[in-house]
Amino acid sequence: MTHYIDIRLMPKKEIRENLLLNQIYTAFHKRLYDLKANDIGVSFPEYRLKLGRLFRIHGTKEALEKLNEQEWIGKYQQHCQISQIEEIPKIVKYRTVFRVQQNMTEAKLRRLIKRGSISDDEVKRYRIKMYQGGLDNPYVELISMSNGQLHRRFIAFGELKDEETAGEFDTFGLSKYATIPWF
């Protein structure tokens, strides 16, 4: 990854920050899906408890130019400040930005009950833990291009590293293995 684009969200009264991020990220996902791109990653450099107002897109200059061949942000562009394609600074750390999924679901519980591998008391405890615990990672609510369903995509951040790890990204710009520059 040699270049990046910053998209600074500027929410206004008519559109909240989280809804704006959801719309921008959905449009980004649609564009990656249309391009069948696996060489573009994302980061959220202002992440604390929430993902923050800075949505950073990483890739080669050529990949980012191809991404921008079409206007993909649409009507939400008026709520963003978009940088030019910039070169990544020379001194950076690297980290993975990836999806995490809750492994406690109603479907999994039904399978456990059907197999007989969980008692009635354990079913109650499972349900309590499933509804109380959940994931506390930040998330975006997106519309999937493959099935059209609205879903939450919980985001996790790997440890900072000194070296880049090459690899592929999914059509959400996420990867458990490939790193993005973190600065």
N, C-alpha and C. Protein backbone atom coordinates (compact mmCIF):
# COMPACT_ATOMS: atom_id res chain seq x y z
N MET A 1 0.84 -1.17 0.00
CA MET A 1 0.00 0.00 0.00
C MET A 1 0.89 1.23 0.00
N THR A 2 0.65 2.05 -0.97
CA THR A 2 1.51 3.22 -1.12
C THR A 2 0.77 4.54 -0.99
N HIS A 3 -0.54 4.53 -1.14
CA HIS A 3 -1.31 5.76 -1.16
C HIS A 3 -2.59 5.63 -0.33
N TYR A 4 -3.24 6.76 -0.09
CA TYR A 4 -4.48 6.76 0.67
C TYR A 4 -5.36 7.94 0.29
N ILE A 5 -6.63 7.84 0.65
CA ILE A 5 -7.60 8.93 0.52
C ILE A 5 -8.27 9.06 1.88
N ASP A 6 -8.38 10.28 2.38
CA ASP A 6 -9.11 10.54 3.61
C ASP A 6 -10.50 11.08 3.28
N ILE A 7 -11.48 10.52 3.94
CA ILE A 7 -12.84 11.05 3.85
C ILE A 7 -13.22 11.50 5.26
N ARG A 8 -13.31 12.80 5.44
CA ARG A 8 -13.67 13.38 6.74
C ARG A 8 -15.18 13.58 6.75
N LEU A 9 -15.86 12.88 7.66
CA LEU A 9 -17.31 13.02 7.78
C LEU A 9 -17.64 14.33 8.48
N MET A 10 -18.59 15.04 7.93
CA MET A 10 -19.03 16.30 8.51
C MET A 10 -20.55 16.23 8.71
N PRO A 11 -20.97 15.50 9.76
CA PRO A 11 -22.40 15.34 9.98
C PRO A 11 -23.06 16.67 10.31
N LYS A 12 -24.30 16.78 9.91
CA LYS A 12 -25.09 17.96 10.21
C LYS A 12 -26.35 17.53 10.94
N LYS A 13 -27.17 18.48 11.28
CA LYS A 13 -28.37 18.19 12.06
C LYS A 13 -29.26 17.15 11.35
N GLU A 14 -29.35 17.21 10.02
CA GLU A 14 -30.25 16.32 9.29
C GLU A 14 -29.71 14.90 9.12
N ILE A 15 -28.43 14.68 9.37
CA ILE A 15 -27.87 13.33 9.27
C ILE A 15 -26.81 13.14 10.34
N ARG A 16 -27.05 12.15 11.20
CA ARG A 16 -26.12 11.88 12.31
C ARG A 16 -24.86 11.19 11.81
N GLU A 17 -23.82 11.27 12.63
CA GLU A 17 -22.51 10.72 12.28
C GLU A 17 -22.58 9.23 11.92
N ASN A 18 -23.24 8.44 12.77
CA ASN A 18 -23.27 7.00 12.51
C ASN A 18 -24.04 6.67 11.23
N LEU A 19 -25.13 7.38 10.95
CA LEU A 19 -25.88 7.13 9.72
C LEU A 19 -25.07 7.54 8.49
N LEU A 20 -24.35 8.63 8.59
CA LEU A 20 -23.49 9.07 7.49
C LEU A 20 -22.40 8.04 7.22
N LEU A 21 -21.75 7.55 8.27
CA LEU A 21 -20.73 6.52 8.09
C LEU A 21 -21.32 5.27 7.47
N ASN A 22 -22.50 4.85 7.92
CA ASN A 22 -23.16 3.68 7.34
C ASN A 22 -23.38 3.85 5.84
N GLN A 23 -23.85 5.03 5.43
CA GLN A 23 -24.13 5.28 4.01
C GLN A 23 -22.85 5.33 3.18
N ILE A 24 -21.84 6.01 3.70
CA ILE A 24 -20.56 6.11 2.98
C ILE A 24 -19.93 4.72 2.85
N TYR A 25 -19.96 3.95 3.93
CA TYR A 25 -19.35 2.61 3.92
C TYR A 25 -20.12 1.68 2.99
N THR A 26 -21.45 1.78 2.96
CA THR A 26 -22.25 0.96 2.05
C THR A 26 -21.91 1.30 0.60
N ALA A 27 -21.77 2.59 0.29
CA ALA A 27 -21.41 3.00 -1.07
C ALA A 27 -20.00 2.51 -1.43
N PHE A 28 -19.09 2.57 -0.46
CA PHE A 28 -17.72 2.07 -0.66
C PHE A 28 -17.75 0.57 -0.95
N HIS A 29 -18.50 -0.17 -0.15
CA HIS A 29 -18.63 -1.62 -0.35
C HIS A 29 -19.19 -1.92 -1.74
N LYS A 30 -20.21 -1.20 -2.14
CA LYS A 30 -20.82 -1.41 -3.47
C LYS A 30 -19.79 -1.18 -4.56
N ARG A 31 -18.99 -0.13 -4.42
CA ARG A 31 -17.98 0.17 -5.44
C ARG A 31 -16.90 -0.93 -5.49
N LEU A 32 -16.44 -1.39 -4.32
CA LEU A 32 -15.46 -2.49 -4.30
C LEU A 32 -16.06 -3.76 -4.89
N TYR A 33 -17.32 -4.02 -4.58
CA TYR A 33 -18.01 -5.20 -5.10
C TYR A 33 -18.10 -5.12 -6.64
N ASP A 34 -18.47 -3.96 -7.16
CA ASP A 34 -18.57 -3.78 -8.61
C ASP A 34 -17.21 -3.94 -9.29
N LEU A 35 -16.15 -3.45 -8.64
CA LEU A 35 -14.80 -3.56 -9.20
C LEU A 35 -14.17 -4.94 -8.99
N LYS A 36 -14.78 -5.73 -8.10
CA LYS A 36 -14.20 -7.01 -7.67
C LYS A 36 -12.77 -6.78 -7.15
N ALA A 37 -12.62 -5.69 -6.39
CA ALA A 37 -11.31 -5.28 -5.88
C ALA A 37 -10.98 -6.01 -4.59
N ASN A 38 -9.74 -6.48 -4.48
CA ASN A 38 -9.26 -7.11 -3.25
C ASN A 38 -7.93 -6.51 -2.80
N ASP A 39 -7.63 -5.33 -3.35
CA ASP A 39 -6.35 -4.67 -3.04
C ASP A 39 -6.54 -3.30 -2.40
N ILE A 40 -7.73 -3.06 -1.84
CA ILE A 40 -8.04 -1.79 -1.18
C ILE A 40 -8.50 -2.08 0.24
N GLY A 41 -7.89 -1.40 1.20
CA GLY A 41 -8.24 -1.59 2.61
C GLY A 41 -8.70 -0.28 3.23
N VAL A 42 -9.33 -0.39 4.40
CA VAL A 42 -9.81 0.80 5.11
C VAL A 42 -9.24 0.84 6.52
N SER A 43 -9.24 2.04 7.07
CA SER A 43 -8.90 2.21 8.47
C SER A 43 -9.72 3.36 9.04
N PHE A 44 -9.72 3.44 10.34
CA PHE A 44 -10.45 4.47 11.07
C PHE A 44 -9.48 5.07 12.08
N PRO A 45 -8.60 5.98 11.64
CA PRO A 45 -7.53 6.49 12.50
C PRO A 45 -8.00 7.21 13.76
N GLU A 46 -9.23 7.69 13.79
CA GLU A 46 -9.74 8.38 14.97
C GLU A 46 -10.54 7.47 15.89
N TYR A 47 -10.42 6.17 15.67
CA TYR A 47 -11.15 5.19 16.48
C TYR A 47 -10.78 5.33 17.95
N ARG A 48 -11.80 5.41 18.76
CA ARG A 48 -11.66 5.31 20.22
C ARG A 48 -12.74 4.32 20.67
N LEU A 49 -13.88 4.81 21.12
CA LEU A 49 -15.01 3.93 21.41
C LEU A 49 -15.88 3.76 20.17
N LYS A 50 -15.93 4.80 19.35
CA LYS A 50 -16.64 4.76 18.08
C LYS A 50 -15.58 4.75 16.97
N LEU A 51 -16.02 4.49 15.75
CA LEU A 51 -15.08 4.44 14.64
C LEU A 51 -14.52 5.82 14.30
N GLY A 52 -15.23 6.87 14.65
CA GLY A 52 -14.72 8.22 14.42
C GLY A 52 -15.19 8.81 13.11
N ARG A 53 -14.76 10.03 12.86
CA ARG A 53 -15.21 10.78 11.68
C ARG A 53 -14.25 10.70 10.50
N LEU A 54 -13.14 9.99 10.66
CA LEU A 54 -12.17 9.88 9.56
C LEU A 54 -12.19 8.46 9.02
N PHE A 55 -12.57 8.34 7.75
CA PHE A 55 -12.64 7.08 7.02
C PHE A 55 -11.50 7.13 6.01
N ARG A 56 -10.49 6.28 6.21
CA ARG A 56 -9.29 6.32 5.36
C ARG A 56 -9.26 5.08 4.47
N ILE A 57 -9.02 5.30 3.20
CA ILE A 57 -8.97 4.22 2.20
C ILE A 57 -7.53 4.08 1.74
N HIS A 58 -7.00 2.85 1.76
CA HIS A 58 -5.60 2.57 1.43
C HIS A 58 -5.50 1.71 0.18
N GLY A 59 -4.47 1.93 -0.60
CA GLY A 59 -4.21 1.09 -1.77
C GLY A 59 -3.05 1.65 -2.57
N THR A 60 -2.84 1.08 -3.73
CA THR A 60 -1.85 1.66 -4.64
C THR A 60 -2.50 2.87 -5.31
N LYS A 61 -1.69 3.72 -5.89
CA LYS A 61 -2.24 4.89 -6.58
C LYS A 61 -3.19 4.45 -7.70
N GLU A 62 -2.81 3.41 -8.42
CA GLU A 62 -3.62 2.91 -9.53
C GLU A 62 -4.97 2.38 -9.03
N ALA A 63 -4.96 1.63 -7.93
CA ALA A 63 -6.20 1.07 -7.38
C ALA A 63 -7.14 2.18 -6.91
N LEU A 64 -6.59 3.21 -6.28
CA LEU A 64 -7.41 4.31 -5.79
C LEU A 64 -7.94 5.16 -6.95
N GLU A 65 -7.15 5.31 -8.00
CA GLU A 65 -7.63 6.02 -9.19
C GLU A 65 -8.79 5.27 -9.83
N LYS A 66 -8.67 3.95 -9.89
CA LYS A 66 -9.75 3.13 -10.44
C LYS A 66 -11.01 3.25 -9.57
N LEU A 67 -10.83 3.24 -8.25
CA LEU A 67 -11.95 3.41 -7.33
C LEU A 67 -12.68 4.72 -7.63
N ASN A 68 -11.92 5.78 -7.89
CA ASN A 68 -12.49 7.10 -8.10
C ASN A 68 -12.88 7.41 -9.54
N GLU A 69 -12.76 6.41 -10.45
CA GLU A 69 -13.18 6.65 -11.83
C GLU A 69 -14.66 7.02 -11.90
N GLN A 70 -15.44 6.47 -10.99
CA GLN A 70 -16.86 6.81 -10.90
C GLN A 70 -17.10 7.52 -9.58
N GLU A 71 -18.09 8.41 -9.58
CA GLU A 71 -18.49 9.08 -8.34
C GLU A 71 -19.32 8.08 -7.53
N TRP A 72 -18.74 7.54 -6.47
CA TRP A 72 -19.40 6.47 -5.72
C TRP A 72 -20.03 6.95 -4.43
N ILE A 73 -19.69 8.12 -3.94
CA ILE A 73 -20.25 8.60 -2.68
C ILE A 73 -21.66 9.16 -2.88
N GLY A 74 -21.92 9.67 -4.06
CA GLY A 74 -23.26 10.15 -4.38
C GLY A 74 -23.68 11.37 -3.58
N LYS A 75 -24.94 11.36 -3.16
CA LYS A 75 -25.53 12.53 -2.49
C LYS A 75 -24.88 12.85 -1.14
N TYR A 76 -24.11 11.93 -0.60
CA TYR A 76 -23.48 12.16 0.71
C TYR A 76 -22.18 12.95 0.61
N GLN A 77 -21.75 13.24 -0.61
CA GLN A 77 -20.51 14.00 -0.80
C GLN A 77 -20.59 15.38 -0.15
N GLN A 78 -21.78 15.95 -0.08
CA GLN A 78 -21.94 17.27 0.54
C GLN A 78 -21.71 17.23 2.04
N HIS A 79 -21.68 16.03 2.63
CA HIS A 79 -21.45 15.86 4.06
C HIS A 79 -20.04 15.37 4.36
N CYS A 80 -19.14 15.46 3.36
CA CYS A 80 -17.78 14.93 3.52
C CYS A 80 -16.76 15.92 2.96
N GLN A 81 -15.57 15.80 3.49
CA GLN A 81 -14.42 16.50 2.93
C GLN A 81 -13.49 15.39 2.45
N ILE A 82 -13.24 15.33 1.15
CA ILE A 82 -12.49 14.23 0.55
C ILE A 82 -11.14 14.74 0.06
N SER A 83 -10.08 14.07 0.51
CA SER A 83 -8.74 14.49 0.10
C SER A 83 -8.41 13.96 -1.29
N GLN A 84 -7.35 14.48 -1.84
CA GLN A 84 -6.79 13.92 -3.06
C GLN A 84 -6.10 12.60 -2.70
N ILE A 85 -5.67 11.86 -3.68
CA ILE A 85 -4.87 10.67 -3.42
C ILE A 85 -3.50 11.14 -2.94
N GLU A 86 -3.14 10.72 -1.74
CA GLU A 86 -1.89 11.17 -1.11
C GLU A 86 -0.95 9.98 -0.91
N GLU A 87 0.34 10.27 -0.86
CA GLU A 87 1.33 9.24 -0.58
C GLU A 87 1.38 8.97 0.92
N ILE A 88 1.51 7.72 1.28
CA ILE A 88 1.59 7.33 2.70
C ILE A 88 2.92 7.84 3.26
N PRO A 89 2.91 8.38 4.49
CA PRO A 89 4.16 8.85 5.10
C PRO A 89 5.20 7.72 5.16
N LYS A 90 6.45 8.11 5.23
CA LYS A 90 7.56 7.13 5.23
C LYS A 90 7.61 6.31 6.51
N ILE A 91 7.31 6.93 7.66
CA ILE A 91 7.40 6.22 8.94
C ILE A 91 5.99 6.00 9.48
N VAL A 92 5.58 4.75 9.46
CA VAL A 92 4.25 4.37 9.95
C VAL A 92 4.34 3.02 10.66
N LYS A 93 3.32 2.71 11.39
CA LYS A 93 3.12 1.36 11.93
C LYS A 93 2.11 0.68 11.03
N TYR A 94 1.85 -0.60 11.28
CA TYR A 94 0.89 -1.36 10.48
C TYR A 94 -0.02 -2.13 11.43
N ARG A 95 -1.23 -2.35 10.98
CA ARG A 95 -2.16 -3.16 11.76
C ARG A 95 -3.24 -3.73 10.85
N THR A 96 -3.87 -4.77 11.34
CA THR A 96 -5.01 -5.32 10.63
C THR A 96 -6.28 -4.64 11.14
N VAL A 97 -7.23 -4.48 10.24
CA VAL A 97 -8.56 -4.00 10.58
C VAL A 97 -9.48 -5.06 9.99
N PHE A 98 -10.25 -5.72 10.86
CA PHE A 98 -10.99 -6.89 10.41
C PHE A 98 -12.36 -6.99 11.08
N ARG A 99 -13.16 -7.89 10.54
CA ARG A 99 -14.50 -8.13 11.06
C ARG A 99 -14.43 -9.17 12.17
N VAL A 100 -15.24 -8.95 13.21
CA VAL A 100 -15.45 -9.98 14.23
C VAL A 100 -16.94 -10.28 14.26
N GLN A 101 -17.25 -11.53 14.54
CA GLN A 101 -18.64 -11.96 14.58
C GLN A 101 -18.97 -12.56 15.93
N GLN A 102 -20.19 -12.31 16.34
CA GLN A 102 -20.67 -12.93 17.58
C GLN A 102 -20.89 -14.40 17.29
N ASN A 103 -20.40 -15.25 18.16
CA ASN A 103 -20.55 -16.68 17.92
C ASN A 103 -21.72 -17.28 18.69
N MET A 104 -22.44 -16.46 19.42
CA MET A 104 -23.61 -16.95 20.15
C MET A 104 -24.87 -16.47 19.42
N THR A 105 -25.50 -17.39 18.69
CA THR A 105 -26.69 -17.03 17.92
C THR A 105 -27.83 -17.99 18.25
N GLU A 106 -29.02 -17.57 17.89
CA GLU A 106 -30.20 -18.42 18.08
C GLU A 106 -30.08 -19.70 17.25
N ALA A 107 -29.55 -19.59 16.03
CA ALA A 107 -29.37 -20.77 15.17
C ALA A 107 -28.41 -21.77 15.80
N LYS A 108 -27.33 -21.27 16.38
CA LYS A 108 -26.37 -22.16 17.04
C LYS A 108 -27.01 -22.83 18.25
N LEU A 109 -27.81 -22.08 19.00
CA LEU A 109 -28.50 -22.64 20.16
C LEU A 109 -29.46 -23.75 19.73
N ARG A 110 -30.20 -23.53 18.64
CA ARG A 110 -31.11 -24.57 18.13
C ARG A 110 -30.34 -25.85 17.78
N ARG A 111 -29.18 -25.69 17.16
CA ARG A 111 -28.37 -26.87 16.81
C ARG A 111 -27.89 -27.60 18.06
N LEU A 112 -27.47 -26.84 19.08
CA LEU A 112 -27.03 -27.46 20.34
C LEU A 112 -28.17 -28.22 21.00
N ILE A 113 -29.36 -27.65 20.99
CA ILE A 113 -30.53 -28.31 21.59
C ILE A 113 -30.87 -29.57 20.80
N LYS A 114 -30.88 -29.48 19.48
CA LYS A 114 -31.21 -30.63 18.63
C LYS A 114 -30.23 -31.78 18.84
N ARG A 115 -28.95 -31.45 19.02
CA ARG A 115 -27.93 -32.48 19.26
C ARG A 115 -28.02 -33.07 20.66
N GLY A 116 -28.69 -32.33 21.54
CA GLY A 116 -28.78 -32.78 22.93
C GLY A 116 -27.52 -32.49 23.73
N SER A 117 -26.73 -31.55 23.27
CA SER A 117 -25.47 -31.28 23.96
C SER A 117 -25.56 -30.09 24.92
N ILE A 118 -26.79 -29.67 25.26
CA ILE A 118 -26.97 -28.56 26.18
C ILE A 118 -28.21 -28.84 27.04
N SER A 119 -28.09 -28.63 28.34
CA SER A 119 -29.22 -28.88 29.26
C SER A 119 -30.16 -27.68 29.29
N ASP A 120 -31.32 -27.84 29.93
CA ASP A 120 -32.29 -26.74 30.03
C ASP A 120 -31.69 -25.55 30.77
N ASP A 121 -30.96 -25.81 31.85
CA ASP A 121 -30.32 -24.72 32.60
C ASP A 121 -29.28 -24.01 31.74
N GLU A 122 -28.53 -24.79 30.97
CA GLU A 122 -27.51 -24.20 30.11
C GLU A 122 -28.14 -23.37 28.99
N VAL A 123 -29.32 -23.78 28.52
CA VAL A 123 -30.04 -23.01 27.50
C VAL A 123 -30.38 -21.63 28.05
N LYS A 124 -30.87 -21.58 29.29
CA LYS A 124 -31.22 -20.31 29.92
C LYS A 124 -29.99 -19.42 30.06
N ARG A 125 -28.88 -20.00 30.53
CA ARG A 125 -27.65 -19.22 30.68
C ARG A 125 -27.12 -18.74 29.33
N TYR A 126 -27.21 -19.59 28.31
CA TYR A 126 -26.77 -19.24 26.96
C TYR A 126 -27.56 -18.03 26.45
N ARG A 127 -28.90 -18.10 26.60
CA ARG A 127 -29.74 -16.99 26.13
C ARG A 127 -29.43 -15.69 26.87
N ILE A 128 -29.25 -15.78 28.18
CA ILE A 128 -28.93 -14.58 28.96
C ILE A 128 -27.61 -13.99 28.48
N LYS A 129 -26.61 -14.83 28.32
CA LYS A 129 -25.31 -14.36 27.87
C LYS A 129 -25.38 -13.80 26.45
N MET A 130 -26.17 -14.46 25.59
CA MET A 130 -26.30 -14.04 24.21
C MET A 130 -26.92 -12.64 24.13
N TYR A 131 -27.96 -12.39 24.92
CA TYR A 131 -28.65 -11.10 24.84
C TYR A 131 -27.96 -10.00 25.65
N GLN A 132 -27.26 -10.35 26.69
CA GLN A 132 -26.57 -9.34 27.49
C GLN A 132 -25.20 -9.02 26.93
N GLY A 133 -24.47 -10.07 26.64
CA GLY A 133 -23.07 -9.89 26.25
C GLY A 133 -22.91 -9.22 24.91
N GLY A 134 -23.25 -9.90 23.86
CA GLY A 134 -23.03 -9.35 22.54
C GLY A 134 -21.59 -8.94 22.35
N LEU A 135 -21.38 -8.17 21.34
CA LEU A 135 -20.05 -7.63 21.10
C LEU A 135 -20.07 -6.15 21.44
N ASP A 136 -19.00 -5.67 22.01
CA ASP A 136 -18.94 -4.24 22.31
C ASP A 136 -17.99 -3.51 21.37
N ASN A 137 -17.62 -4.15 20.27
CA ASN A 137 -16.79 -3.51 19.26
C ASN A 137 -17.60 -2.45 18.52
N PRO A 138 -16.93 -1.45 17.98
CA PRO A 138 -17.66 -0.51 17.13
C PRO A 138 -18.15 -1.23 15.88
N TYR A 139 -19.20 -0.70 15.27
CA TYR A 139 -19.75 -1.37 14.10
C TYR A 139 -20.36 -0.36 13.12
N VAL A 140 -20.58 -0.85 11.92
CA VAL A 140 -21.34 -0.12 10.92
C VAL A 140 -22.50 -1.01 10.51
N GLU A 141 -23.61 -0.40 10.13
CA GLU A 141 -24.75 -1.14 9.61
C GLU A 141 -24.76 -0.97 8.10
N LEU A 142 -24.61 -2.09 7.40
CA LEU A 142 -24.44 -2.06 5.96
C LEU A 142 -25.47 -2.92 5.26
N ILE A 143 -25.64 -2.63 3.98
CA ILE A 143 -26.47 -3.47 3.13
C ILE A 143 -25.51 -4.31 2.30
N SER A 144 -25.65 -5.62 2.40
CA SER A 144 -24.77 -6.52 1.67
C SER A 144 -25.12 -6.51 0.19
N MET A 145 -24.10 -6.45 -0.68
CA MET A 145 -24.33 -6.48 -2.12
C MET A 145 -24.66 -7.89 -2.60
N SER A 146 -24.30 -8.91 -1.84
CA SER A 146 -24.56 -10.28 -2.29
C SER A 146 -25.98 -10.73 -1.98
N ASN A 147 -26.55 -10.27 -0.85
CA ASN A 147 -27.91 -10.74 -0.53
C ASN A 147 -28.89 -9.62 -0.19
N GLY A 148 -28.44 -8.37 -0.20
CA GLY A 148 -29.33 -7.24 0.04
C GLY A 148 -29.78 -7.05 1.48
N GLN A 149 -29.24 -7.86 2.39
CA GLN A 149 -29.65 -7.80 3.79
C GLN A 149 -28.87 -6.72 4.56
N LEU A 150 -29.58 -6.05 5.47
CA LEU A 150 -28.94 -5.11 6.38
C LEU A 150 -28.30 -5.91 7.51
N HIS A 151 -27.06 -5.61 7.82
CA HIS A 151 -26.39 -6.33 8.90
C HIS A 151 -25.36 -5.43 9.56
N ARG A 152 -25.05 -5.76 10.79
CA ARG A 152 -23.99 -5.05 11.50
C ARG A 152 -22.67 -5.75 11.25
N ARG A 153 -21.69 -4.96 10.91
CA ARG A 153 -20.34 -5.47 10.71
C ARG A 153 -19.49 -4.89 11.84
N PHE A 154 -19.16 -5.75 12.80
CA PHE A 154 -18.36 -5.33 13.95
C PHE A 154 -16.89 -5.31 13.52
N ILE A 155 -16.19 -4.25 13.91
CA ILE A 155 -14.82 -4.02 13.48
C ILE A 155 -13.86 -4.19 14.66
N ALA A 156 -12.75 -4.87 14.40
CA ALA A 156 -11.70 -5.04 15.41
C ALA A 156 -10.38 -4.58 14.82
N PHE A 157 -9.47 -4.23 15.70
CA PHE A 157 -8.17 -3.70 15.30
C PHE A 157 -7.08 -4.58 15.88
N GLY A 158 -6.17 -5.05 15.02
CA GLY A 158 -5.06 -5.87 15.46
C GLY A 158 -3.99 -5.03 16.14
N GLU A 159 -3.02 -5.72 16.69
CA GLU A 159 -1.89 -5.06 17.35
C GLU A 159 -1.06 -4.28 16.33
N LEU A 160 -0.46 -3.19 16.79
CA LEU A 160 0.44 -2.43 15.92
C LEU A 160 1.71 -3.23 15.66
N LYS A 161 2.18 -3.19 14.40
CA LYS A 161 3.38 -3.92 13.99
C LYS A 161 4.32 -2.97 13.27
N ASP A 162 5.57 -3.35 13.21
CA ASP A 162 6.56 -2.54 12.50
C ASP A 162 6.63 -2.89 11.02
N GLU A 163 6.20 -4.09 10.67
CA GLU A 163 6.31 -4.56 9.28
C GLU A 163 4.94 -4.75 8.65
N GLU A 164 4.87 -4.49 7.36
CA GLU A 164 3.65 -4.69 6.58
C GLU A 164 3.47 -6.17 6.26
N THR A 165 2.24 -6.63 6.26
CA THR A 165 1.92 -7.99 5.83
C THR A 165 1.02 -7.88 4.61
N ALA A 166 1.48 -8.39 3.49
CA ALA A 166 0.70 -8.32 2.25
C ALA A 166 -0.42 -9.34 2.29
N GLY A 167 -1.46 -9.10 1.52
CA GLY A 167 -2.57 -10.03 1.44
C GLY A 167 -3.75 -9.37 0.76
N GLU A 168 -4.87 -10.09 0.75
CA GLU A 168 -6.07 -9.59 0.09
C GLU A 168 -7.07 -9.07 1.11
N PHE A 169 -7.89 -8.14 0.66
CA PHE A 169 -8.96 -7.56 1.46
C PHE A 169 -10.29 -8.02 0.88
N ASP A 170 -11.32 -8.07 1.74
CA ASP A 170 -12.64 -8.41 1.24
C ASP A 170 -13.29 -7.18 0.61
N THR A 171 -14.52 -7.31 0.15
CA THR A 171 -15.19 -6.19 -0.52
C THR A 171 -15.70 -5.14 0.47
N PHE A 172 -15.30 -5.27 1.72
CA PHE A 172 -15.55 -4.25 2.73
C PHE A 172 -14.24 -3.55 3.10
N GLY A 173 -13.13 -3.92 2.44
CA GLY A 173 -11.83 -3.32 2.73
C GLY A 173 -11.21 -3.83 4.01
N LEU A 174 -11.62 -5.01 4.47
CA LEU A 174 -11.15 -5.58 5.73
C LEU A 174 -10.37 -6.86 5.49
N SER A 175 -9.45 -7.19 6.40
CA SER A 175 -8.69 -8.42 6.30
C SER A 175 -8.14 -8.80 7.68
N LYS A 176 -8.18 -10.09 7.99
CA LYS A 176 -7.58 -10.56 9.24
C LYS A 176 -6.07 -10.70 9.12
N TYR A 177 -5.55 -10.71 7.89
CA TYR A 177 -4.14 -10.99 7.70
C TYR A 177 -3.36 -9.82 7.08
N ALA A 178 -3.93 -9.20 6.07
CA ALA A 178 -3.26 -8.08 5.40
C ALA A 178 -3.33 -6.83 6.28
N THR A 179 -2.23 -6.13 6.37
CA THR A 179 -2.19 -4.93 7.21
C THR A 179 -2.39 -3.68 6.36
N ILE A 180 -2.79 -2.62 7.05
CA ILE A 180 -2.86 -1.30 6.45
C ILE A 180 -1.90 -0.40 7.23
N PRO A 181 -1.39 0.64 6.59
CA PRO A 181 -0.55 1.59 7.33
C PRO A 181 -1.39 2.33 8.37
N TRP A 182 -0.87 2.49 9.55
CA TRP A 182 -1.60 3.17 10.62
C TRP A 182 -0.82 4.43 11.01
N PHE A 183 -1.43 5.56 10.73
CA PHE A 183 -0.80 6.85 11.04
C PHE A 183 -1.86 7.89 11.32
